[in-house]
N, C-alpha and C. Protein backbone atom coordinates (compact mmCIF):
# COMPACT_ATOMS: atom_id res chain seq x y z
N GLN A 1 20.93 37.96 -11.56
CA GLN A 1 21.20 37.02 -12.61
C GLN A 1 19.91 36.55 -13.24
N VAL A 2 19.94 36.40 -14.60
CA VAL A 2 18.83 35.86 -15.33
C VAL A 2 19.28 34.62 -16.08
N GLN A 3 18.59 33.50 -15.83
CA GLN A 3 18.89 32.27 -16.61
C GLN A 3 17.84 32.10 -17.68
N LEU A 4 18.32 31.75 -18.86
CA LEU A 4 17.48 31.60 -20.01
C LEU A 4 17.65 30.22 -20.59
N VAL A 5 16.55 29.59 -20.90
CA VAL A 5 16.54 28.26 -21.53
C VAL A 5 15.64 28.26 -22.74
N GLU A 6 16.26 28.01 -23.84
CA GLU A 6 15.50 27.91 -25.14
C GLU A 6 14.96 26.51 -25.40
N SER A 7 13.88 26.40 -26.08
CA SER A 7 13.35 25.14 -26.50
C SER A 7 12.51 25.35 -27.80
N GLY A 8 12.14 24.24 -28.34
CA GLY A 8 11.28 24.27 -29.53
C GLY A 8 11.96 24.12 -30.89
N GLY A 9 13.28 23.95 -30.87
CA GLY A 9 13.96 23.80 -32.10
C GLY A 9 13.70 22.44 -32.66
N GLY A 10 14.17 22.20 -33.90
CA GLY A 10 14.03 20.88 -34.48
C GLY A 10 14.25 20.92 -35.97
N LEU A 11 13.82 19.90 -36.66
CA LEU A 11 13.99 19.79 -38.12
C LEU A 11 12.66 20.01 -38.79
N VAL A 12 12.62 20.86 -39.76
CA VAL A 12 11.36 21.22 -40.45
C VAL A 12 11.72 21.40 -41.94
N GLN A 13 10.69 21.16 -42.75
CA GLN A 13 10.86 21.35 -44.20
C GLN A 13 10.67 22.81 -44.55
N ALA A 14 11.34 23.22 -45.65
CA ALA A 14 11.21 24.60 -46.13
C ALA A 14 9.72 24.88 -46.28
N GLY A 15 9.30 26.05 -45.90
CA GLY A 15 7.93 26.53 -45.93
C GLY A 15 7.19 26.22 -44.67
N GLY A 16 7.74 25.47 -43.77
CA GLY A 16 7.08 25.08 -42.52
C GLY A 16 7.26 26.15 -41.43
N SER A 17 6.77 25.79 -40.24
CA SER A 17 6.82 26.77 -39.12
C SER A 17 7.35 26.04 -37.88
N LEU A 18 7.93 26.83 -37.00
CA LEU A 18 8.36 26.45 -35.65
C LEU A 18 8.17 27.60 -34.73
N ARG A 19 7.85 27.28 -33.47
CA ARG A 19 7.80 28.30 -32.47
C ARG A 19 8.84 27.94 -31.37
N LEU A 20 9.76 28.85 -31.20
CA LEU A 20 10.78 28.73 -30.18
C LEU A 20 10.26 29.45 -28.92
N SER A 21 10.65 28.84 -27.79
CA SER A 21 10.33 29.40 -26.51
C SER A 21 11.60 29.71 -25.70
N CYS A 22 11.56 30.72 -24.92
CA CYS A 22 12.66 31.07 -23.98
C CYS A 22 12.10 31.28 -22.60
N ALA A 23 12.48 30.39 -21.75
CA ALA A 23 12.00 30.44 -20.34
C ALA A 23 13.07 31.13 -19.52
N ALA A 24 12.62 32.23 -18.83
CA ALA A 24 13.57 32.97 -17.99
C ALA A 24 13.31 32.65 -16.50
N SER A 25 14.31 32.70 -15.73
CA SER A 25 14.22 32.49 -14.30
C SER A 25 15.34 33.32 -13.60
N GLY A 26 15.14 33.48 -12.29
CA GLY A 26 16.08 34.26 -11.52
C GLY A 26 15.56 35.70 -11.31
N ARG A 27 14.99 36.36 -12.26
CA ARG A 27 14.41 37.64 -12.14
C ARG A 27 13.25 37.78 -13.13
N THR A 28 12.31 38.65 -12.80
CA THR A 28 11.26 38.91 -13.74
C THR A 28 11.84 39.67 -14.94
N ILE A 29 11.36 39.32 -16.13
CA ILE A 29 11.95 39.92 -17.33
C ILE A 29 11.20 41.14 -17.79
N SER A 30 10.17 41.58 -17.03
CA SER A 30 9.33 42.70 -17.46
C SER A 30 10.10 43.99 -17.73
N SER A 31 11.24 44.18 -17.08
CA SER A 31 12.03 45.38 -17.31
C SER A 31 13.23 45.16 -18.25
N TYR A 32 13.23 43.99 -18.81
CA TYR A 32 14.36 43.63 -19.74
C TYR A 32 13.88 43.70 -21.20
N ALA A 33 14.71 44.16 -22.04
CA ALA A 33 14.52 43.92 -23.48
C ALA A 33 14.86 42.43 -23.74
N MET A 34 14.18 41.78 -24.62
CA MET A 34 14.46 40.38 -24.93
C MET A 34 14.76 40.26 -26.44
N GLY A 35 15.70 39.45 -26.78
CA GLY A 35 16.07 39.30 -28.20
C GLY A 35 16.32 37.93 -28.58
N TRP A 36 16.34 37.69 -29.87
CA TRP A 36 16.72 36.43 -30.45
C TRP A 36 17.89 36.69 -31.44
N PHE A 37 18.89 35.81 -31.40
CA PHE A 37 19.98 35.80 -32.32
C PHE A 37 20.12 34.41 -32.81
N ARG A 38 20.92 34.32 -33.89
CA ARG A 38 21.15 32.97 -34.44
C ARG A 38 22.59 32.92 -34.98
N GLN A 39 23.11 31.69 -35.01
CA GLN A 39 24.46 31.53 -35.53
C GLN A 39 24.50 30.22 -36.34
N ALA A 40 24.84 30.39 -37.58
CA ALA A 40 24.98 29.28 -38.48
C ALA A 40 26.45 28.81 -38.47
N PRO A 41 26.67 27.59 -38.83
CA PRO A 41 28.09 27.06 -38.83
C PRO A 41 29.00 27.94 -39.71
N GLY A 42 30.11 28.37 -39.11
CA GLY A 42 31.10 29.18 -39.83
C GLY A 42 30.74 30.60 -40.03
N LYS A 43 29.68 31.04 -39.35
CA LYS A 43 29.21 32.46 -39.47
C LYS A 43 29.14 33.12 -38.13
N GLU A 44 29.14 34.45 -38.16
CA GLU A 44 29.03 35.22 -36.96
C GLU A 44 27.62 35.10 -36.38
N ARG A 45 27.44 35.30 -35.06
CA ARG A 45 26.14 35.38 -34.53
C ARG A 45 25.43 36.62 -35.06
N GLU A 46 24.20 36.44 -35.48
CA GLU A 46 23.46 37.58 -36.07
C GLU A 46 22.15 37.81 -35.36
N PHE A 47 21.80 39.09 -35.36
CA PHE A 47 20.51 39.56 -34.77
C PHE A 47 19.34 39.06 -35.58
N VAL A 48 18.32 38.54 -34.90
CA VAL A 48 17.05 38.16 -35.52
C VAL A 48 15.94 39.13 -35.27
N GLY A 49 15.82 39.45 -33.98
CA GLY A 49 14.77 40.38 -33.58
C GLY A 49 14.76 40.67 -32.14
N SER A 50 14.10 41.67 -31.70
CA SER A 50 14.04 42.03 -30.30
C SER A 50 12.68 42.68 -29.97
N ILE A 51 12.43 42.69 -28.67
CA ILE A 51 11.18 43.29 -28.16
C ILE A 51 11.54 44.04 -26.88
N SER A 52 11.12 45.25 -26.76
CA SER A 52 11.49 46.10 -25.61
C SER A 52 10.72 45.65 -24.40
N GLY A 53 11.20 46.05 -23.25
CA GLY A 53 10.58 45.62 -21.98
C GLY A 53 9.29 46.32 -21.69
N SER A 54 9.28 47.67 -21.76
CA SER A 54 8.21 48.47 -21.28
C SER A 54 7.12 48.67 -22.32
N THR A 55 7.50 48.84 -23.59
CA THR A 55 6.55 49.20 -24.58
C THR A 55 6.27 48.09 -25.63
N SER A 56 7.06 46.99 -25.51
CA SER A 56 6.92 45.85 -26.45
C SER A 56 7.10 46.28 -27.88
N ILE A 57 7.91 47.24 -28.11
CA ILE A 57 8.23 47.60 -29.49
C ILE A 57 9.17 46.58 -30.05
N ARG A 58 8.90 46.16 -31.28
CA ARG A 58 9.61 45.04 -31.87
C ARG A 58 10.54 45.56 -33.01
N TYR A 59 11.69 44.93 -33.14
CA TYR A 59 12.62 45.18 -34.25
C TYR A 59 12.96 43.82 -34.87
N TYR A 60 13.06 43.79 -36.15
CA TYR A 60 13.47 42.59 -36.81
C TYR A 60 14.55 42.81 -37.80
N ALA A 61 15.41 41.78 -38.06
CA ALA A 61 16.32 41.80 -39.14
C ALA A 61 15.53 41.74 -40.48
N ASP A 62 16.05 42.39 -41.50
CA ASP A 62 15.39 42.42 -42.82
C ASP A 62 15.17 41.01 -43.30
N SER A 63 16.08 40.08 -42.98
CA SER A 63 16.01 38.75 -43.54
C SER A 63 14.83 37.93 -43.01
N VAL A 64 14.24 38.42 -41.84
CA VAL A 64 13.12 37.66 -41.25
C VAL A 64 11.87 38.46 -41.19
N LYS A 65 11.94 39.68 -41.49
CA LYS A 65 10.77 40.57 -41.43
C LYS A 65 9.59 40.02 -42.24
N GLY A 66 8.46 39.98 -41.57
CA GLY A 66 7.23 39.44 -42.31
C GLY A 66 7.08 37.98 -42.15
N ARG A 67 8.12 37.29 -41.65
CA ARG A 67 8.06 35.79 -41.46
C ARG A 67 8.10 35.41 -40.01
N PHE A 68 8.86 36.18 -39.18
CA PHE A 68 9.09 35.88 -37.82
C PHE A 68 8.39 36.89 -36.98
N THR A 69 7.88 36.43 -35.79
CA THR A 69 7.24 37.32 -34.85
C THR A 69 7.72 37.02 -33.46
N ILE A 70 8.10 38.03 -32.73
CA ILE A 70 8.51 37.89 -31.30
C ILE A 70 7.34 38.29 -30.44
N ALA A 71 7.09 37.53 -29.40
CA ALA A 71 6.09 37.89 -28.41
C ALA A 71 6.68 37.60 -26.99
N ARG A 72 6.15 38.26 -26.04
CA ARG A 72 6.56 38.07 -24.66
C ARG A 72 5.39 37.92 -23.73
N ASP A 73 5.53 37.14 -22.66
CA ASP A 73 4.49 36.99 -21.67
C ASP A 73 5.23 37.25 -20.38
N ASN A 74 5.18 38.45 -19.90
CA ASN A 74 5.87 38.84 -18.66
C ASN A 74 5.34 38.06 -17.45
N ALA A 75 4.08 37.76 -17.44
CA ALA A 75 3.48 37.09 -16.28
C ALA A 75 4.11 35.64 -16.17
N GLN A 76 4.39 35.05 -17.30
CA GLN A 76 5.01 33.70 -17.31
C GLN A 76 6.47 33.74 -17.44
N ASN A 77 7.08 34.89 -17.59
CA ASN A 77 8.51 35.04 -17.77
C ASN A 77 9.02 34.29 -18.99
N MET A 78 8.22 34.46 -20.07
CA MET A 78 8.49 33.69 -21.34
C MET A 78 8.62 34.67 -22.49
N VAL A 79 9.41 34.26 -23.46
CA VAL A 79 9.52 34.94 -24.74
C VAL A 79 9.45 33.90 -25.85
N TYR A 80 8.82 34.31 -26.95
CA TYR A 80 8.60 33.37 -28.04
C TYR A 80 9.10 33.92 -29.33
N LEU A 81 9.47 33.04 -30.26
CA LEU A 81 9.82 33.41 -31.60
C LEU A 81 9.01 32.49 -32.52
N GLN A 82 7.99 33.05 -33.16
CA GLN A 82 7.18 32.30 -34.07
C GLN A 82 7.81 32.45 -35.45
N MET A 83 8.22 31.35 -36.09
CA MET A 83 8.92 31.40 -37.36
C MET A 83 8.06 30.68 -38.42
N ASN A 84 7.63 31.42 -39.40
CA ASN A 84 6.83 30.93 -40.49
C ASN A 84 7.58 31.02 -41.80
N SER A 85 7.14 30.27 -42.78
CA SER A 85 7.72 30.29 -44.12
C SER A 85 9.28 30.07 -44.04
N LEU A 86 9.66 29.11 -43.32
CA LEU A 86 11.10 28.90 -43.03
C LEU A 86 11.82 28.50 -44.29
N LYS A 87 13.08 28.94 -44.36
CA LYS A 87 13.93 28.70 -45.55
C LYS A 87 15.21 27.97 -45.05
N PRO A 88 15.82 27.24 -45.96
CA PRO A 88 17.09 26.54 -45.55
C PRO A 88 18.11 27.49 -44.92
N GLU A 89 18.15 28.77 -45.38
CA GLU A 89 19.09 29.71 -44.81
C GLU A 89 18.76 30.16 -43.41
N ASP A 90 17.64 29.72 -42.90
CA ASP A 90 17.30 30.00 -41.52
C ASP A 90 17.96 28.96 -40.57
N THR A 91 18.57 27.97 -41.11
CA THR A 91 19.21 26.90 -40.32
C THR A 91 20.29 27.53 -39.48
N ALA A 92 20.19 27.35 -38.18
CA ALA A 92 21.17 27.93 -37.26
C ALA A 92 20.85 27.48 -35.82
N VAL A 93 21.75 27.80 -34.88
CA VAL A 93 21.45 27.72 -33.49
C VAL A 93 20.86 29.04 -33.10
N TYR A 94 19.68 29.02 -32.48
CA TYR A 94 18.97 30.21 -32.06
C TYR A 94 19.16 30.43 -30.57
N TYR A 95 19.53 31.68 -30.20
CA TYR A 95 19.84 32.06 -28.82
C TYR A 95 18.89 33.16 -28.37
N CYS A 96 18.47 33.03 -27.10
CA CYS A 96 17.65 34.04 -26.45
C CYS A 96 18.61 34.96 -25.65
N ASN A 97 18.23 36.26 -25.64
CA ASN A 97 19.11 37.25 -24.99
C ASN A 97 18.22 38.19 -24.15
N ALA A 98 18.66 38.49 -22.97
CA ALA A 98 17.96 39.44 -22.08
C ALA A 98 18.95 40.54 -21.75
N ASP A 99 18.50 41.81 -21.82
CA ASP A 99 19.42 42.96 -21.56
C ASP A 99 18.58 44.09 -20.92
N ARG A 100 19.16 44.79 -20.07
CA ARG A 100 18.51 45.99 -19.49
C ARG A 100 18.36 47.08 -20.52
N GLY A 101 19.35 47.15 -21.41
CA GLY A 101 19.29 48.17 -22.45
C GLY A 101 18.69 47.61 -23.77
N PRO A 102 18.60 48.49 -24.79
CA PRO A 102 18.11 48.07 -26.12
C PRO A 102 18.90 46.90 -26.67
N ILE A 103 18.26 46.03 -27.39
CA ILE A 103 18.95 44.94 -28.07
C ILE A 103 18.85 45.24 -29.59
N ARG A 104 20.04 45.39 -30.23
CA ARG A 104 20.14 45.70 -31.60
C ARG A 104 21.15 44.77 -32.26
N PRO A 105 21.19 44.83 -33.61
CA PRO A 105 22.29 44.12 -34.26
C PRO A 105 23.66 44.48 -33.68
N GLY A 106 24.44 43.45 -33.41
CA GLY A 106 25.75 43.70 -32.83
C GLY A 106 25.75 43.64 -31.27
N SER A 107 24.58 43.60 -30.68
CA SER A 107 24.58 43.50 -29.21
C SER A 107 25.24 42.21 -28.76
N ARG A 108 25.96 42.32 -27.67
CA ARG A 108 26.64 41.15 -27.17
C ARG A 108 26.47 41.06 -25.67
N GLY A 109 25.88 42.00 -25.04
CA GLY A 109 25.79 42.04 -23.55
C GLY A 109 24.59 41.31 -23.07
N GLY A 110 24.38 41.45 -21.73
CA GLY A 110 23.21 40.84 -21.07
C GLY A 110 23.40 39.36 -20.79
N TYR A 111 22.28 38.72 -20.74
CA TYR A 111 22.24 37.22 -20.43
C TYR A 111 21.86 36.46 -21.71
N TRP A 112 22.44 35.22 -21.73
CA TRP A 112 22.24 34.39 -22.92
C TRP A 112 21.86 32.99 -22.51
N GLY A 113 21.07 32.38 -23.34
CA GLY A 113 20.72 30.98 -23.12
C GLY A 113 21.76 30.10 -23.88
N GLN A 114 21.59 28.82 -23.86
CA GLN A 114 22.50 27.86 -24.42
C GLN A 114 22.21 27.59 -25.93
N GLY A 115 21.02 28.00 -26.32
CA GLY A 115 20.70 27.88 -27.75
C GLY A 115 19.89 26.60 -28.10
N THR A 116 19.12 26.70 -29.14
CA THR A 116 18.39 25.56 -29.68
C THR A 116 18.58 25.47 -31.15
N GLN A 117 18.76 24.26 -31.63
CA GLN A 117 19.10 24.06 -33.10
C GLN A 117 17.80 24.10 -33.95
N VAL A 118 17.88 24.83 -34.97
CA VAL A 118 16.78 24.84 -35.97
C VAL A 118 17.43 24.41 -37.32
N THR A 119 16.87 23.38 -37.92
CA THR A 119 17.39 22.89 -39.21
C THR A 119 16.16 22.89 -40.21
N VAL A 120 16.36 23.57 -41.28
CA VAL A 120 15.35 23.64 -42.34
C VAL A 120 15.87 22.94 -43.56
N SER A 121 15.13 21.90 -43.95
CA SER A 121 15.55 21.10 -45.10
C SER A 121 14.86 21.59 -46.38
N SER A 122 15.58 21.50 -47.48
CA SER A 122 15.00 21.96 -48.76
C SER A 122 14.23 20.89 -49.46
């Protein structure tokens, strides 16, 4: 079992930055792909980005490419999502995901955190 706890959400103005953290416990995440998803009110949960376990290859949704960056610290069992140039449409609850297999848009397996709210005001 892997337990995931997100933190770092909050209220920020458009154009601002936030860094989300995901603390993992229970197992070392070095062999897990890690991902971030988000869900806005009334919308489906959507893929934001992922980072592979062994090679740290990153994938991003087109909507965040160039603005968001995923990083992982396997020694600390942590994953981060640096969000820059935030837009009101980035407002959502952000979820951390850990999976043995690749994490891509539409992924629903693995382990999930409870989410952290990000609100971007215009």
